[in-house]
Amino acid sequence: MAADRRSSWLKGVLDLLVLAVLTEGESYGYEISKALAAAGLGEIKGGTLYPVLNRLEEADLVVGEFRVAERGPGRRYYQLTGQGRRALAEQSASWLEFHTAVRTKLSSTHPGGAS
């Protein structure tokens, strides 16, 4: 149950997290997945991540470019657009406001539990 809940929470914020990862510079799917895992968000599989990247690209929040590799398969690199940076700033503010409201409510119902 806890893993299912965490997965639902992640789906609600994954687009925003991918945009945040791309503020560090261009990246490809596997690197984005590793960055999210390193941040403590668990393993994000390709079947979850690539539809997010496609959606962000269709919305002009990121731009992707396929590059042929000297060895191995080519990769599609993504980078933020100006519109993506603006969306990240706006959505981050909204998310943090929501997070504060949830945290405040949980703290009031469980004193000392959610600080």
N, C-alpha and C. Protein backbone atom coordinates (compact mmCIF):
# COMPACT_ATOMS: atom_id res chain seq x y z
N MET A 1 0.82 -1.19 0.00
CA MET A 1 0.00 0.00 0.00
C MET A 1 0.86 1.25 0.00
N ALA A 2 1.92 1.28 0.80
CA ALA A 2 2.78 2.47 0.87
C ALA A 2 3.45 2.73 -0.48
N ALA A 3 3.89 1.68 -1.18
CA ALA A 3 4.53 1.86 -2.48
C ALA A 3 3.52 2.38 -3.49
N ASP A 4 2.28 1.88 -3.45
CA ASP A 4 1.23 2.35 -4.35
C ASP A 4 0.95 3.82 -4.11
N ARG A 5 0.89 4.21 -2.86
CA ARG A 5 0.63 5.61 -2.51
C ARG A 5 1.75 6.50 -3.01
N ARG A 6 2.97 6.09 -2.77
CA ARG A 6 4.14 6.86 -3.21
C ARG A 6 4.13 7.02 -4.74
N SER A 7 3.77 5.97 -5.45
CA SER A 7 3.68 6.02 -6.90
C SER A 7 2.65 7.04 -7.35
N SER A 8 1.51 7.09 -6.70
CA SER A 8 0.47 8.07 -7.02
C SER A 8 0.96 9.49 -6.76
N TRP A 9 1.64 9.70 -5.65
CA TRP A 9 2.17 11.03 -5.34
C TRP A 9 3.17 11.45 -6.42
N LEU A 10 4.03 10.52 -6.81
CA LEU A 10 5.07 10.82 -7.79
C LEU A 10 4.47 11.19 -9.15
N LYS A 11 3.42 10.48 -9.56
CA LYS A 11 2.78 10.78 -10.84
C LYS A 11 2.28 12.22 -10.88
N GLY A 12 1.84 12.73 -9.72
CA GLY A 12 1.32 14.08 -9.67
C GLY A 12 2.38 15.16 -9.81
N VAL A 13 3.65 14.80 -9.62
CA VAL A 13 4.70 15.81 -9.63
C VAL A 13 5.88 15.45 -10.55
N LEU A 14 5.77 14.34 -11.26
CA LEU A 14 6.90 13.87 -12.07
C LEU A 14 7.27 14.85 -13.19
N ASP A 15 6.29 15.44 -13.85
CA ASP A 15 6.60 16.42 -14.90
C ASP A 15 7.48 17.54 -14.33
N LEU A 16 7.09 18.04 -13.18
CA LEU A 16 7.81 19.13 -12.53
C LEU A 16 9.22 18.69 -12.14
N LEU A 17 9.36 17.48 -11.65
CA LEU A 17 10.67 16.98 -11.26
C LEU A 17 11.60 16.80 -12.46
N VAL A 18 11.05 16.36 -13.59
CA VAL A 18 11.87 16.21 -14.80
C VAL A 18 12.34 17.59 -15.25
N LEU A 19 11.45 18.58 -15.23
CA LEU A 19 11.87 19.94 -15.59
C LEU A 19 12.98 20.41 -14.65
N ALA A 20 12.85 20.11 -13.36
CA ALA A 20 13.86 20.53 -12.38
C ALA A 20 15.21 19.88 -12.68
N VAL A 21 15.21 18.61 -13.04
CA VAL A 21 16.47 17.93 -13.38
C VAL A 21 17.13 18.62 -14.57
N LEU A 22 16.33 19.05 -15.52
CA LEU A 22 16.89 19.65 -16.73
C LEU A 22 17.41 21.07 -16.52
N THR A 23 17.20 21.65 -15.35
CA THR A 23 17.81 22.96 -15.06
C THR A 23 19.32 22.82 -14.94
N GLU A 24 19.79 21.60 -14.69
CA GLU A 24 21.22 21.34 -14.55
C GLU A 24 21.91 21.21 -15.90
N GLY A 25 21.13 21.23 -16.98
CA GLY A 25 21.68 21.10 -18.33
C GLY A 25 21.00 19.98 -19.08
N GLU A 26 21.34 19.87 -20.36
CA GLU A 26 20.70 18.84 -21.18
C GLU A 26 21.03 17.45 -20.65
N SER A 27 20.11 16.53 -20.92
CA SER A 27 20.28 15.18 -20.41
C SER A 27 19.43 14.24 -21.24
N TYR A 28 19.67 12.95 -21.10
CA TYR A 28 18.85 11.94 -21.77
C TYR A 28 18.15 11.09 -20.71
N GLY A 29 17.21 10.28 -21.16
CA GLY A 29 16.32 9.56 -20.26
C GLY A 29 16.98 8.83 -19.12
N TYR A 30 17.97 8.02 -19.41
CA TYR A 30 18.61 7.23 -18.36
C TYR A 30 19.27 8.14 -17.31
N GLU A 31 19.92 9.21 -17.76
CA GLU A 31 20.54 10.14 -16.81
C GLU A 31 19.49 10.84 -15.95
N ILE A 32 18.37 11.19 -16.55
CA ILE A 32 17.28 11.82 -15.81
C ILE A 32 16.76 10.87 -14.75
N SER A 33 16.56 9.62 -15.14
CA SER A 33 16.10 8.60 -14.20
C SER A 33 17.08 8.42 -13.04
N LYS A 34 18.37 8.39 -13.34
CA LYS A 34 19.39 8.26 -12.30
C LYS A 34 19.37 9.47 -11.35
N ALA A 35 19.20 10.67 -11.89
CA ALA A 35 19.16 11.87 -11.06
C ALA A 35 17.96 11.84 -10.12
N LEU A 36 16.83 11.37 -10.60
CA LEU A 36 15.64 11.28 -9.75
C LEU A 36 15.83 10.22 -8.66
N ALA A 37 16.44 9.10 -9.02
CA ALA A 37 16.72 8.06 -8.03
C ALA A 37 17.69 8.57 -6.97
N ALA A 38 18.72 9.30 -7.40
CA ALA A 38 19.71 9.85 -6.46
C ALA A 38 19.07 10.87 -5.52
N ALA A 39 17.99 11.49 -5.95
CA ALA A 39 17.29 12.46 -5.10
C ALA A 39 16.36 11.76 -4.10
N GLY A 40 16.31 10.42 -4.14
CA GLY A 40 15.50 9.68 -3.19
C GLY A 40 14.09 9.38 -3.67
N LEU A 41 13.86 9.50 -4.98
CA LEU A 41 12.52 9.31 -5.52
C LEU A 41 12.27 7.91 -6.05
N GLY A 42 13.24 7.05 -5.92
CA GLY A 42 13.10 5.68 -6.38
C GLY A 42 13.37 5.55 -7.86
N GLU A 43 13.26 4.32 -8.35
CA GLU A 43 13.54 4.03 -9.76
C GLU A 43 12.35 4.45 -10.61
N ILE A 44 12.62 5.27 -11.61
CA ILE A 44 11.59 5.68 -12.56
C ILE A 44 11.89 4.92 -13.85
N LYS A 45 11.02 4.03 -14.22
CA LYS A 45 11.25 3.20 -15.39
C LYS A 45 10.94 3.96 -16.67
N GLY A 46 11.52 3.49 -17.75
CA GLY A 46 11.33 4.13 -19.05
C GLY A 46 9.88 4.24 -19.46
N GLY A 47 9.07 3.24 -19.13
CA GLY A 47 7.65 3.25 -19.47
C GLY A 47 6.89 4.35 -18.78
N THR A 48 7.46 4.89 -17.72
CA THR A 48 6.88 6.03 -17.02
C THR A 48 7.53 7.32 -17.48
N LEU A 49 8.85 7.32 -17.61
CA LEU A 49 9.60 8.54 -17.91
C LEU A 49 9.41 9.03 -19.34
N TYR A 50 9.48 8.14 -20.32
CA TYR A 50 9.45 8.60 -21.71
C TYR A 50 8.11 9.24 -22.12
N PRO A 51 6.98 8.75 -21.63
CA PRO A 51 5.74 9.48 -21.92
C PRO A 51 5.73 10.90 -21.32
N VAL A 52 6.36 11.06 -20.16
CA VAL A 52 6.48 12.39 -19.56
C VAL A 52 7.33 13.28 -20.46
N LEU A 53 8.47 12.79 -20.89
CA LEU A 53 9.34 13.56 -21.78
C LEU A 53 8.63 13.92 -23.08
N ASN A 54 7.87 12.98 -23.64
CA ASN A 54 7.11 13.25 -24.88
C ASN A 54 6.07 14.34 -24.64
N ARG A 55 5.37 14.25 -23.52
CA ARG A 55 4.35 15.24 -23.17
C ARG A 55 4.98 16.62 -23.00
N LEU A 56 6.11 16.68 -22.32
CA LEU A 56 6.80 17.96 -22.10
C LEU A 56 7.29 18.54 -23.42
N GLU A 57 7.73 17.67 -24.32
CA GLU A 57 8.20 18.13 -25.62
C GLU A 57 7.03 18.66 -26.46
N GLU A 58 5.91 17.95 -26.44
CA GLU A 58 4.72 18.39 -27.18
C GLU A 58 4.21 19.74 -26.66
N ALA A 59 4.40 20.00 -25.38
CA ALA A 59 3.97 21.26 -24.77
C ALA A 59 5.00 22.37 -24.93
N ASP A 60 6.09 22.09 -25.65
CA ASP A 60 7.18 23.06 -25.87
C ASP A 60 7.88 23.49 -24.58
N LEU A 61 7.87 22.60 -23.58
CA LEU A 61 8.57 22.88 -22.33
C LEU A 61 10.00 22.36 -22.37
N VAL A 62 10.22 21.36 -23.21
CA VAL A 62 11.56 20.85 -23.47
C VAL A 62 11.70 20.64 -24.97
N VAL A 63 12.93 20.61 -25.42
CA VAL A 63 13.21 20.28 -26.81
C VAL A 63 14.15 19.08 -26.81
N GLY A 64 13.85 18.12 -27.69
CA GLY A 64 14.67 16.92 -27.76
C GLY A 64 15.44 16.87 -29.07
N GLU A 65 16.61 16.27 -29.00
CA GLU A 65 17.45 16.13 -30.19
C GLU A 65 18.12 14.76 -30.15
N PHE A 66 17.91 13.98 -31.20
CA PHE A 66 18.53 12.66 -31.28
C PHE A 66 19.97 12.82 -31.75
N ARG A 67 20.87 12.13 -31.07
CA ARG A 67 22.28 12.16 -31.45
C ARG A 67 22.80 10.74 -31.61
N VAL A 68 23.50 10.53 -32.69
CA VAL A 68 24.14 9.24 -32.96
C VAL A 68 25.36 9.15 -32.05
N ALA A 69 25.55 7.98 -31.46
CA ALA A 69 26.69 7.75 -30.58
C ALA A 69 27.81 7.06 -31.36
N GLU A 70 29.04 7.31 -30.93
CA GLU A 70 30.17 6.62 -31.56
C GLU A 70 30.11 5.13 -31.28
N ARG A 71 29.68 4.80 -30.07
CA ARG A 71 29.50 3.40 -29.67
C ARG A 71 28.10 3.24 -29.12
N GLY A 72 27.49 2.14 -29.40
CA GLY A 72 26.17 1.86 -28.85
C GLY A 72 25.08 2.66 -29.55
N PRO A 73 23.88 2.54 -29.02
CA PRO A 73 22.75 3.21 -29.65
C PRO A 73 22.79 4.73 -29.45
N GLY A 74 22.15 5.45 -30.35
CA GLY A 74 22.04 6.89 -30.20
C GLY A 74 21.12 7.22 -29.03
N ARG A 75 21.10 8.48 -28.66
CA ARG A 75 20.27 8.92 -27.53
C ARG A 75 19.54 10.20 -27.91
N ARG A 76 18.40 10.39 -27.29
CA ARG A 76 17.66 11.63 -27.45
C ARG A 76 17.95 12.49 -26.23
N TYR A 77 18.57 13.63 -26.46
CA TYR A 77 18.90 14.57 -25.40
C TYR A 77 17.82 15.63 -25.30
N TYR A 78 17.50 16.00 -24.07
CA TYR A 78 16.44 16.98 -23.81
C TYR A 78 17.04 18.18 -23.09
N GLN A 79 16.48 19.35 -23.39
CA GLN A 79 16.85 20.54 -22.63
C GLN A 79 15.63 21.42 -22.48
N LEU A 80 15.65 22.23 -21.44
CA LEU A 80 14.53 23.14 -21.16
C LEU A 80 14.45 24.23 -22.21
N THR A 81 13.24 24.64 -22.50
CA THR A 81 13.02 25.82 -23.32
C THR A 81 12.76 27.00 -22.37
N GLY A 82 12.70 28.20 -22.90
CA GLY A 82 12.34 29.35 -22.08
C GLY A 82 10.97 29.17 -21.45
N GLN A 83 10.05 28.64 -22.24
CA GLN A 83 8.70 28.36 -21.73
C GLN A 83 8.76 27.31 -20.62
N GLY A 84 9.64 26.34 -20.76
CA GLY A 84 9.80 25.31 -19.73
C GLY A 84 10.33 25.90 -18.43
N ARG A 85 11.26 26.84 -18.53
CA ARG A 85 11.78 27.49 -17.33
C ARG A 85 10.69 28.30 -16.62
N ARG A 86 9.87 28.99 -17.41
CA ARG A 86 8.77 29.77 -16.81
C ARG A 86 7.76 28.84 -16.15
N ALA A 87 7.41 27.75 -16.84
CA ALA A 87 6.46 26.78 -16.28
C ALA A 87 7.01 26.17 -14.99
N LEU A 88 8.29 25.86 -14.98
CA LEU A 88 8.91 25.30 -13.78
C LEU A 88 8.81 26.28 -12.61
N ALA A 89 9.10 27.54 -12.85
CA ALA A 89 9.03 28.55 -11.79
C ALA A 89 7.60 28.67 -11.25
N GLU A 90 6.62 28.75 -12.15
CA GLU A 90 5.22 28.90 -11.73
C GLU A 90 4.72 27.66 -10.99
N GLN A 91 4.98 26.49 -11.58
CA GLN A 91 4.48 25.26 -10.99
C GLN A 91 5.21 24.92 -9.70
N SER A 92 6.48 25.27 -9.61
CA SER A 92 7.22 25.03 -8.36
C SER A 92 6.61 25.83 -7.23
N ALA A 93 6.28 27.09 -7.50
CA ALA A 93 5.66 27.93 -6.47
C ALA A 93 4.33 27.33 -6.03
N SER A 94 3.53 26.88 -6.98
CA SER A 94 2.23 26.27 -6.64
C SER A 94 2.41 24.99 -5.85
N TRP A 95 3.37 24.16 -6.28
CA TRP A 95 3.62 22.90 -5.57
C TRP A 95 4.08 23.16 -4.14
N LEU A 96 5.01 24.10 -3.97
CA LEU A 96 5.52 24.38 -2.63
C LEU A 96 4.43 24.94 -1.72
N GLU A 97 3.53 25.72 -2.27
CA GLU A 97 2.39 26.22 -1.49
C GLU A 97 1.50 25.06 -1.06
N PHE A 98 1.23 24.15 -1.99
CA PHE A 98 0.42 22.97 -1.69
C PHE A 98 1.12 22.09 -0.64
N HIS A 99 2.41 21.88 -0.82
CA HIS A 99 3.20 21.08 0.12
C HIS A 99 3.13 21.68 1.52
N THR A 100 3.25 22.99 1.61
CA THR A 100 3.18 23.66 2.92
C THR A 100 1.82 23.44 3.57
N ALA A 101 0.75 23.53 2.79
CA ALA A 101 -0.59 23.32 3.33
C ALA A 101 -0.76 21.89 3.85
N VAL A 102 -0.28 20.92 3.08
CA VAL A 102 -0.37 19.52 3.50
C VAL A 102 0.46 19.30 4.76
N ARG A 103 1.67 19.80 4.76
CA ARG A 103 2.58 19.64 5.91
C ARG A 103 1.99 20.29 7.16
N THR A 104 1.41 21.46 7.01
CA THR A 104 0.79 22.16 8.14
C THR A 104 -0.36 21.34 8.71
N LYS A 105 -1.19 20.82 7.83
CA LYS A 105 -2.33 20.01 8.29
C LYS A 105 -1.85 18.74 8.98
N LEU A 106 -0.90 18.06 8.39
CA LEU A 106 -0.39 16.82 8.99
C LEU A 106 0.29 17.11 10.34
N SER A 107 1.00 18.20 10.43
CA SER A 107 1.67 18.56 11.67
C SER A 107 0.65 18.87 12.77
N SER A 108 -0.47 19.46 12.39
CA SER A 108 -1.49 19.81 13.39
C SER A 108 -2.24 18.59 13.89
N THR A 109 -2.30 17.53 13.08
CA THR A 109 -3.02 16.32 13.50
C THR A 109 -2.10 15.32 14.19
N HIS A 110 -0.79 15.46 13.96
CA HIS A 110 0.20 14.57 14.57
C HIS A 110 1.33 15.43 15.12
N PRO A 111 1.11 16.08 16.25
CA PRO A 111 2.17 16.98 16.79
C PRO A 111 3.52 16.27 16.87
N GLY A 112 4.52 16.95 16.33
CA GLY A 112 5.88 16.41 16.37
C GLY A 112 6.16 15.36 15.31
N GLY A 113 5.14 14.95 14.55
CA GLY A 113 5.33 13.88 13.59
C GLY A 113 5.80 14.31 12.22
N ALA A 114 5.33 15.43 11.74
CA ALA A 114 5.67 15.84 10.37
C ALA A 114 6.30 17.22 10.39
N SER A 115 7.55 17.26 10.76
CA SER A 115 8.23 18.57 10.81
C SER A 115 9.27 18.68 9.77
